Amino acid sequence: MNIEDIREHMPVVGSDDIHVGTVDHLEGQRIKMTKTDEDAGGKHHYLHVDSIAAVADGCITLNRTAAQAKDEWATAD
């Protein structure tokens, strides 16, 4: 997996193929997700790149379920 392949507005899904969020951009080793995504609750959320299983076909798939990812993500206004 190459983090250089991560692009703005890519969907992020859990290992269970359930939507987690949408990429805003990378901040170092973290994915900052858009706060306007329907699952974001109006806040930016962050996931570490270690959570990524694959970047393929215009989508990021995590190595954890959507529920696990949402339990772990950090937030910012």
PDB file of N, CA and C in Angstrom:
ATOM      1  N   MET A   1       0.846  -1.175   0.000  1.00  0.00           N
ATOM      2  CA  MET A   1       0.000   0.000   0.000  1.00  0.00           C
ATOM      3  C   MET A   1       0.890   1.237   0.000  1.00  0.00           C
ATOM      4  N   ASN A   2       0.571   2.162  -0.875  1.00  0.00           N
ATOM      5  CA  ASN A   2       1.340   3.385  -1.008  1.00  0.00           C
ATOM      6  C   ASN A   2       0.447   4.571  -0.643  1.00  0.00           C
ATOM      7  N   ILE A   3       0.812   5.299   0.416  1.00  0.00           N
ATOM      8  CA  ILE A   3      -0.040   6.422   0.830  1.00  0.00           C
ATOM      9  C   ILE A   3      -0.065   7.529  -0.210  1.00  0.00           C
ATOM     10  N   GLU A   4       0.874   7.519  -1.136  1.00  0.00           N
ATOM     11  CA  GLU A   4       0.871   8.499  -2.228  1.00  0.00           C
ATOM     12  C   GLU A   4      -0.349   8.316  -3.136  1.00  0.00           C
ATOM     13  N   ASP A   5      -0.981   7.152  -3.072  1.00  0.00           N
ATOM     14  CA  ASP A   5      -2.164   6.875  -3.893  1.00  0.00           C
ATOM     15  C   ASP A   5      -3.445   7.458  -3.301  1.00  0.00           C
ATOM     16  N   ILE A   6      -3.375   7.959  -2.075  1.00  0.00           N
ATOM     17  CA  ILE A   6      -4.558   8.513  -1.414  1.00  0.00           C
ATOM     18  C   ILE A   6      -4.857   9.887  -1.998  1.00  0.00           C
ATOM     19  N   ARG A   7      -6.112  10.071  -2.378  1.00  0.00           N
ATOM     20  CA  ARG A   7      -6.546  11.316  -3.018  1.00  0.00           C
ATOM     21  C   ARG A   7      -7.735  11.927  -2.276  1.00  0.00           C
ATOM     22  N   GLU A   8      -7.862  13.223  -2.415  1.00  0.00           N
ATOM     23  CA  GLU A   8      -8.992  13.960  -1.868  1.00  0.00           C
ATOM     24  C   GLU A   8     -10.304  13.377  -2.396  1.00  0.00           C
ATOM     25  N   HIS A   9     -11.282  13.292  -1.517  1.00  0.00           N
ATOM     26  CA  HIS A   9     -12.644  12.829  -1.815  1.00  0.00           C
ATOM     27  C   HIS A   9     -12.774  11.324  -2.059  1.00  0.00           C
ATOM     28  N   MET A  10     -11.719  10.553  -1.759  1.00  0.00           N
ATOM     29  CA  MET A  10     -11.845   9.096  -1.850  1.00  0.00           C
ATOM     30  C   MET A  10     -12.737   8.607  -0.720  1.00  0.00           C
ATOM     31  N   PRO A  11     -13.611   7.654  -0.993  1.00  0.00           N
ATOM     32  CA  PRO A  11     -14.390   7.060   0.096  1.00  0.00           C
ATOM     33  C   PRO A  11     -13.510   6.139   0.944  1.00  0.00           C
ATOM     34  N   VAL A  12     -13.834   6.068   2.218  1.00  0.00           N
ATOM     35  CA  VAL A  12     -13.142   5.177   3.157  1.00  0.00           C
ATOM     36  C   VAL A  12     -14.180   4.194   3.674  1.00  0.00           C
ATOM     37  N   VAL A  13     -13.884   2.904   3.552  1.00  0.00           N
ATOM     38  CA  VAL A  13     -14.798   1.865   4.025  1.00  0.00           C
ATOM     39  C   VAL A  13     -14.076   0.929   4.975  1.00  0.00           C
ATOM     40  N   GLY A  14     -14.844   0.326   5.872  1.00  0.00           N
ATOM     41  CA  GLY A  14     -14.290  -0.650   6.788  1.00  0.00           C
ATOM     42  C   GLY A  14     -14.082  -1.985   6.098  1.00  0.00           C
ATOM     43  N   SER A  15     -13.460  -2.913   6.816  1.00  0.00           N
ATOM     44  CA  SER A  15     -13.234  -4.254   6.271  1.00  0.00           C
ATOM     45  C   SER A  15     -14.549  -4.968   5.992  1.00  0.00           C
ATOM     46  N   ASP A  16     -15.621  -4.460   6.590  1.00  0.00           N
ATOM     47  CA  ASP A  16     -16.968  -5.001   6.371  1.00  0.00           C
ATOM     48  C   ASP A  16     -17.688  -4.301   5.212  1.00  0.00           C
ATOM     49  N   ASP A  17     -16.948  -3.448   4.481  1.00  0.00           N
ATOM     50  CA  ASP A  17     -17.449  -2.712   3.311  1.00  0.00           C
ATOM     51  C   ASP A  17     -18.522  -1.685   3.664  1.00  0.00           C
ATOM     52  N   ILE A  18     -18.533  -1.223   4.914  1.00  0.00           N
ATOM     53  CA  ILE A  18     -19.465  -0.183   5.355  1.00  0.00           C
ATOM     54  C   ILE A  18     -18.741   1.162   5.351  1.00  0.00           C
ATOM     55  N   HIS A  19     -19.413   2.182   4.845  1.00  0.00           N
ATOM     56  CA  HIS A  19     -18.859   3.532   4.718  1.00  0.00           C
ATOM     57  C   HIS A  19     -18.412   4.083   6.076  1.00  0.00           C
ATOM     58  N   VAL A  20     -17.194   4.649   6.105  1.00  0.00           N
ATOM     59  CA  VAL A  20     -16.657   5.284   7.306  1.00  0.00           C
ATOM     60  C   VAL A  20     -16.578   6.791   7.116  1.00  0.00           C
ATOM     61  N   GLY A  21     -16.130   7.222   5.943  1.00  0.00           N
ATOM     62  CA  GLY A  21     -15.976   8.648   5.711  1.00  0.00           C
ATOM     63  C   GLY A  21     -15.435   8.930   4.320  1.00  0.00           C
ATOM     64  N   THR A  22     -15.034  10.194   4.124  1.00  0.00           N
ATOM     65  CA  THR A  22     -14.492  10.656   2.856  1.00  0.00           C
ATOM     66  C   THR A  22     -13.213  11.426   3.134  1.00  0.00           C
ATOM     67  N   VAL A  23     -12.173  11.155   2.366  1.00  0.00           N
ATOM     68  CA  VAL A  23     -10.876  11.804   2.572  1.00  0.00           C
ATOM     69  C   VAL A  23     -10.965  13.293   2.279  1.00  0.00           C
ATOM     70  N   ASP A  24     -10.476  14.098   3.214  1.00  0.00           N
ATOM     71  CA  ASP A  24     -10.241  15.519   2.968  1.00  0.00           C
ATOM     72  C   ASP A  24      -8.814  15.639   2.424  1.00  0.00           C
ATOM     73  N   HIS A  25      -7.830  15.189   3.221  1.00  0.00           N
ATOM     74  CA  HIS A  25      -6.434  15.152   2.780  1.00  0.00           C
ATOM     75  C   HIS A  25      -5.593  14.400   3.811  1.00  0.00           C
ATOM     76  N   LEU A  26      -4.331  14.196   3.487  1.00  0.00           N
ATOM     77  CA  LEU A  26      -3.396  13.575   4.425  1.00  0.00           C
ATOM     78  C   LEU A  26      -2.737  14.648   5.263  1.00  0.00           C
ATOM     79  N   GLU A  27      -2.554  14.365   6.530  1.00  0.00           N
ATOM     80  CA  GLU A  27      -1.776  15.221   7.429  1.00  0.00           C
ATOM     81  C   GLU A  27      -0.724  14.329   8.063  1.00  0.00           C
ATOM     82  N   GLY A  28       0.434  14.299   7.463  1.00  0.00           N
ATOM     83  CA  GLY A  28       1.494  13.416   7.943  1.00  0.00           C
ATOM     84  C   GLY A  28       1.094  11.962   7.766  1.00  0.00           C
ATOM     85  N   GLN A  29       0.983  11.244   8.879  1.00  0.00           N
ATOM     86  CA  GLN A  29       0.628   9.826   8.860  1.00  0.00           C
ATOM     87  C   GLN A  29      -0.841   9.600   9.195  1.00  0.00           C
ATOM     88  N   ARG A  30      -1.647  10.649   9.079  1.00  0.00           N
ATOM     89  CA  ARG A  30      -3.072  10.525   9.375  1.00  0.00           C
ATOM     90  C   ARG A  30      -3.913  10.965   8.189  1.00  0.00           C
ATOM     91  N   ILE A  31      -5.043  10.302   8.024  1.00  0.00           N
ATOM     92  CA  ILE A  31      -6.028  10.711   7.037  1.00  0.00           C
ATOM     93  C   ILE A  31      -6.998  11.642   7.744  1.00  0.00           C
ATOM     94  N   LYS A  32      -7.129  12.857   7.236  1.00  0.00           N
ATOM     95  CA  LYS A  32      -8.145  13.778   7.740  1.00  0.00           C
ATOM     96  C   LYS A  32      -9.358  13.600   6.851  1.00  0.00           C
ATOM     97  N   MET A  33     -10.489  13.312   7.457  1.00  0.00           N
ATOM     98  CA  MET A  33     -11.706  13.097   6.680  1.00  0.00           C
ATOM     99  C   MET A  33     -12.596  14.330   6.733  1.00  0.00           C
ATOM    100  N   THR A  34     -13.395  14.504   5.692  1.00  0.00           N
ATOM    101  CA  THR A  34     -14.246  15.689   5.586  1.00  0.00           C
ATOM    102  C   THR A  34     -15.276  15.741   6.709  1.00  0.00           C
ATOM    103  N   LYS A  35     -15.539  16.938   7.175  1.00  0.00           N
ATOM    104  CA  LYS A  35     -16.553  17.108   8.211  1.00  0.00           C
ATOM    105  C   LYS A  35     -17.957  17.195   7.623  1.00  0.00           C
ATOM    106  N   THR A  36     -18.050  17.312   6.297  1.00  0.00           N
ATOM    107  CA  THR A  36     -19.352  17.403   5.645  1.00  0.00           C
ATOM    108  C   THR A  36     -19.906  16.024   5.267  1.00  0.00           C
ATOM    109  N   ASP A  37     -19.127  14.975   5.479  1.00  0.00           N
ATOM    110  CA  ASP A  37     -19.609  13.620   5.194  1.00  0.00           C
ATOM    111  C   ASP A  37     -20.792  13.302   6.096  1.00  0.00           C
ATOM    112  N   GLU A  38     -21.729  12.532   5.592  1.00  0.00           N
ATOM    113  CA  GLU A  38     -22.949  12.218   6.344  1.00  0.00           C
ATOM    114  C   GLU A  38     -22.668  11.527   7.681  1.00  0.00           C
ATOM    115  N   ASP A  39     -21.554  10.811   7.809  1.00  0.00           N
ATOM    116  CA  ASP A  39     -21.225  10.107   9.051  1.00  0.00           C
ATOM    117  C   ASP A  39     -20.324  10.910   9.980  1.00  0.00           C
ATOM    118  N   ALA A  40     -19.933  12.126   9.576  1.00  0.00           N
ATOM    119  CA  ALA A  40     -18.937  12.894  10.328  1.00  0.00           C
ATOM    120  C   ALA A  40     -19.502  13.698  11.489  1.00  0.00           C
ATOM    121  N   GLY A  41     -20.785  13.947  11.493  1.00  0.00           N
ATOM    122  CA  GLY A  41     -21.358  14.734  12.579  1.00  0.00           C
ATOM    123  C   GLY A  41     -20.838  16.156  12.632  1.00  0.00           C
ATOM    124  N   GLY A  42     -20.423  16.702  11.491  1.00  0.00           N
ATOM    125  CA  GLY A  42     -19.955  18.087  11.439  1.00  0.00           C
ATOM    126  C   GLY A  42     -18.543  18.299  11.954  1.00  0.00           C
ATOM    127  N   LYS A  43     -17.786  17.215  12.165  1.00  0.00           N
ATOM    128  CA  LYS A  43     -16.413  17.322  12.658  1.00  0.00           C
ATOM    129  C   LYS A  43     -15.463  16.565  11.747  1.00  0.00           C
ATOM    130  N   HIS A  44     -14.228  17.079  11.683  1.00  0.00           N
ATOM    131  CA  HIS A  44     -13.184  16.329  10.992  1.00  0.00           C
ATOM    132  C   HIS A  44     -12.800  15.147  11.871  1.00  0.00           C
ATOM    133  N   HIS A  45     -12.561  14.015  11.252  1.00  0.00           N
ATOM    134  CA  HIS A  45     -12.101  12.826  11.965  1.00  0.00           C
ATOM    135  C   HIS A  45     -10.786  12.384  11.353  1.00  0.00           C
ATOM    136  N   TYR A  46      -9.959  11.763  12.164  1.00  0.00           N
ATOM    137  CA  TYR A  46      -8.640  11.328  11.722  1.00  0.00           C
ATOM    138  C   TYR A  46      -8.455   9.841  11.973  1.00  0.00           C
ATOM    139  N   LEU A  47      -7.836   9.179  11.004  1.00  0.00           N
ATOM    140  CA  LEU A  47      -7.432   7.787  11.155  1.00  0.00           C
ATOM    141  C   LEU A  47      -5.967   7.675  10.757  1.00  0.00           C
ATOM    142  N   HIS A  48      -5.209   6.898  11.510  1.00  0.00           N
ATOM    143  CA  HIS A  48      -3.795   6.692  11.191  1.00  0.00           C
ATOM    144  C   HIS A  48      -3.683   5.814   9.956  1.00  0.00           C
ATOM    145  N   VAL A  49      -2.665   6.053   9.149  1.00  0.00           N
ATOM    146  CA  VAL A  49      -2.488   5.269   7.927  1.00  0.00           C
ATOM    147  C   VAL A  49      -2.251   3.783   8.219  1.00  0.00           C
ATOM    148  N   ASP A  50      -1.876   3.427   9.438  1.00  0.00           N
ATOM    149  CA  ASP A  50      -1.721   2.017   9.813  1.00  0.00           C
ATOM    150  C   ASP A  50      -3.059   1.279   9.769  1.00  0.00           C
ATOM    151  N   SER A  51      -4.154   2.020   9.727  1.00  0.00           N
ATOM    152  CA  SER A  51      -5.491   1.424   9.663  1.00  0.00           C
ATOM    153  C   SER A  51      -5.868   0.975   8.252  1.00  0.00           C
ATOM    154  N   ILE A  52      -5.054   1.330   7.264  1.00  0.00           N
ATOM    155  CA  ILE A  52      -5.391   1.053   5.863  1.00  0.00           C
ATOM    156  C   ILE A  52      -4.936  -0.347   5.467  1.00  0.00           C
ATOM    157  N   ALA A  53      -5.864  -1.099   4.903  1.00  0.00           N
ATOM    158  CA  ALA A  53      -5.537  -2.420   4.347  1.00  0.00           C
ATOM    159  C   ALA A  53      -5.176  -2.294   2.872  1.00  0.00           C
ATOM    160  N   ALA A  54      -5.906  -1.432   2.142  1.00  0.00           N
ATOM    161  CA  ALA A  54      -5.675  -1.299   0.700  1.00  0.00           C
ATOM    162  C   ALA A  54      -6.183   0.040   0.183  1.00  0.00           C
ATOM    163  N   VAL A  55      -5.537   0.503  -0.869  1.00  0.00           N
ATOM    164  CA  VAL A  55      -6.004   1.653  -1.640  1.00  0.00           C
ATOM    165  C   VAL A  55      -6.122   1.143  -3.068  1.00  0.00           C
ATOM    166  N   ALA A  56      -7.358   0.961  -3.518  1.00  0.00           N
ATOM    167  CA  ALA A  56      -7.569   0.394  -4.849  1.00  0.00           C
ATOM    168  C   ALA A  56      -8.910   0.844  -5.407  1.00  0.00           C
ATOM    169  N   ASP A  57      -8.961   0.963  -6.708  1.00  0.00           N
ATOM    170  CA  ASP A  57     -10.195   1.305  -7.410  1.00  0.00           C
ATOM    171  C   ASP A  57     -10.850   2.571  -6.864  1.00  0.00           C
ATOM    172  N   GLY A  58     -10.020   3.552  -6.492  1.00  0.00           N
ATOM    173  CA  GLY A  58     -10.539   4.828  -6.030  1.00  0.00           C
ATOM    174  C   GLY A  58     -11.145   4.801  -4.643  1.00  0.00           C
ATOM    175  N   CYS A  59     -10.797   3.795  -3.841  1.00  0.00           N
ATOM    176  CA  CYS A  59     -11.382   3.625  -2.506  1.00  0.00           C
ATOM    177  C   CYS A  59     -10.315   3.154  -1.521  1.00  0.00           C
ATOM    178  N   ILE A  60     -10.455   3.587  -0.273  1.00  0.00           N
ATOM    179  CA  ILE A  60      -9.589   3.121   0.802  1.00  0.00           C
ATOM    180  C   ILE A  60     -10.360   2.101   1.627  1.00  0.00           C
ATOM    181  N   THR A  61      -9.777   0.931   1.800  1.00  0.00           N
ATOM    182  CA  THR A  61     -10.369  -0.099   2.646  1.00  0.00           C
ATOM    183  C   THR A  61      -9.501  -0.248   3.889  1.00  0.00           C
ATOM    184  N   LEU A  62     -10.155  -0.232   5.035  1.00  0.00           N
ATOM    185  CA  LEU A  62      -9.446  -0.331   6.306  1.00  0.00           C
ATOM    186  C   LEU A  62      -9.251  -1.784   6.727  1.00  0.00           C
ATOM    187  N   ASN A  63      -8.363  -1.987   7.692  1.00  0.00           N
ATOM    188  CA  ASN A  63      -8.112  -3.321   8.222  1.00  0.00           C
ATOM    189  C   ASN A  63      -8.920  -3.576   9.494  1.00  0.00           C
ATOM    190  N   ARG A  64      -9.977  -2.845   9.663  1.00  0.00           N
ATOM    191  CA  ARG A  64     -10.902  -2.984  10.791  1.00  0.00           C
ATOM    192  C   ARG A  64     -12.304  -2.654  10.297  1.00  0.00           C
ATOM    193  N   THR A  65     -13.300  -3.055  11.034  1.00  0.00           N
ATOM    194  CA  THR A  65     -14.673  -2.769  10.625  1.00  0.00           C
ATOM    195  C   THR A  65     -14.955  -1.274  10.744  1.00  0.00           C
ATOM    196  N   ALA A  66     -16.029  -0.832  10.130  1.00  0.00           N
ATOM    197  CA  ALA A  66     -16.426   0.572  10.226  1.00  0.00           C
ATOM    198  C   ALA A  66     -16.675   0.964  11.681  1.00  0.00           C
ATOM    199  N   ALA A  67     -17.333   0.103  12.430  1.00  0.00           N
ATOM    200  CA  ALA A  67     -17.616   0.399  13.841  1.00  0.00           C
ATOM    201  C   ALA A  67     -16.324   0.525  14.647  1.00  0.00           C
ATOM    202  N   GLN A  68     -15.363  -0.363  14.401  1.00  0.00           N
ATOM    203  CA  GLN A  68     -14.085  -0.280  15.107  1.00  0.00           C
ATOM    204  C   GLN A  68     -13.355   1.009  14.748  1.00  0.00           C
ATOM    205  N   ALA A  69     -13.369   1.378  13.478  1.00  0.00           N
ATOM    206  CA  ALA A  69     -12.693   2.606  13.035  1.00  0.00           C
ATOM    207  C   ALA A  69     -13.310   3.827  13.700  1.00  0.00           C
ATOM    208  N   LYS A  70     -14.618   3.866  13.766  1.00  0.00           N
ATOM    209  CA  LYS A  70     -15.313   5.007  14.372  1.00  0.00           C
ATOM    210  C   LYS A  70     -15.075   5.068  15.876  1.00  0.00           C
ATOM    211  N   ASP A  71     -14.870   3.924  16.513  1.00  0.00           N
ATOM    212  CA  ASP A  71     -14.536   3.908  17.937  1.00  0.00           C
ATOM    213  C   ASP A  71     -13.138   4.471  18.188  1.00  0.00           C
ATOM    214  N   GLU A  72     -12.265   4.333  17.187  1.00  0.00           N
ATOM    215  CA  GLU A  72     -10.851   4.708  17.344  1.00  0.00           C
ATOM    216  C   GLU A  72     -10.508   6.085  16.819  1.00  0.00           C
ATOM    217  N   TRP A  73     -11.362   6.673  15.961  1.00  0.00           N
ATOM    218  CA  TRP A  73     -10.914   7.900  15.317  1.00  0.00           C
ATOM    219  C   TRP A  73     -10.828   9.067  16.280  1.00  0.00           C
ATOM    220  N   ALA A  74      -9.899   9.957  15.967  1.00  0.00           N
ATOM    221  CA  ALA A  74      -9.733  11.205  16.722  1.00  0.00           C
ATOM    222  C   ALA A  74     -10.561  12.264  16.023  1.00  0.00           C
ATOM    223  N   THR A  75     -11.023  13.261  16.765  1.00  0.00           N
ATOM    224  CA  THR A  75     -11.852  14.301  16.169  1.00  0.00           C
ATOM    225  C   THR A  75     -11.236  15.676  16.359  1.00  0.00           C
ATOM    226  N   ALA A  76     -11.673  16.591  15.519  1.00  0.00           N
ATOM    227  CA  ALA A  76     -11.313  18.011  15.622  1.00  0.00           C
ATOM    228  C   ALA A  76     -12.449  18.799  15.000  1.00  0.00           C
ATOM    229  N   ASP A  77     -12.719  19.980  15.528  1.00  0.00           N
ATOM    230  CA  ASP A  77     -13.772  20.846  14.968  1.00  0.00           C
ATOM    231  C   ASP A  77     -13.347  21.444  13.668  1.00  0.00           C
TER     232      ASP A  77
END
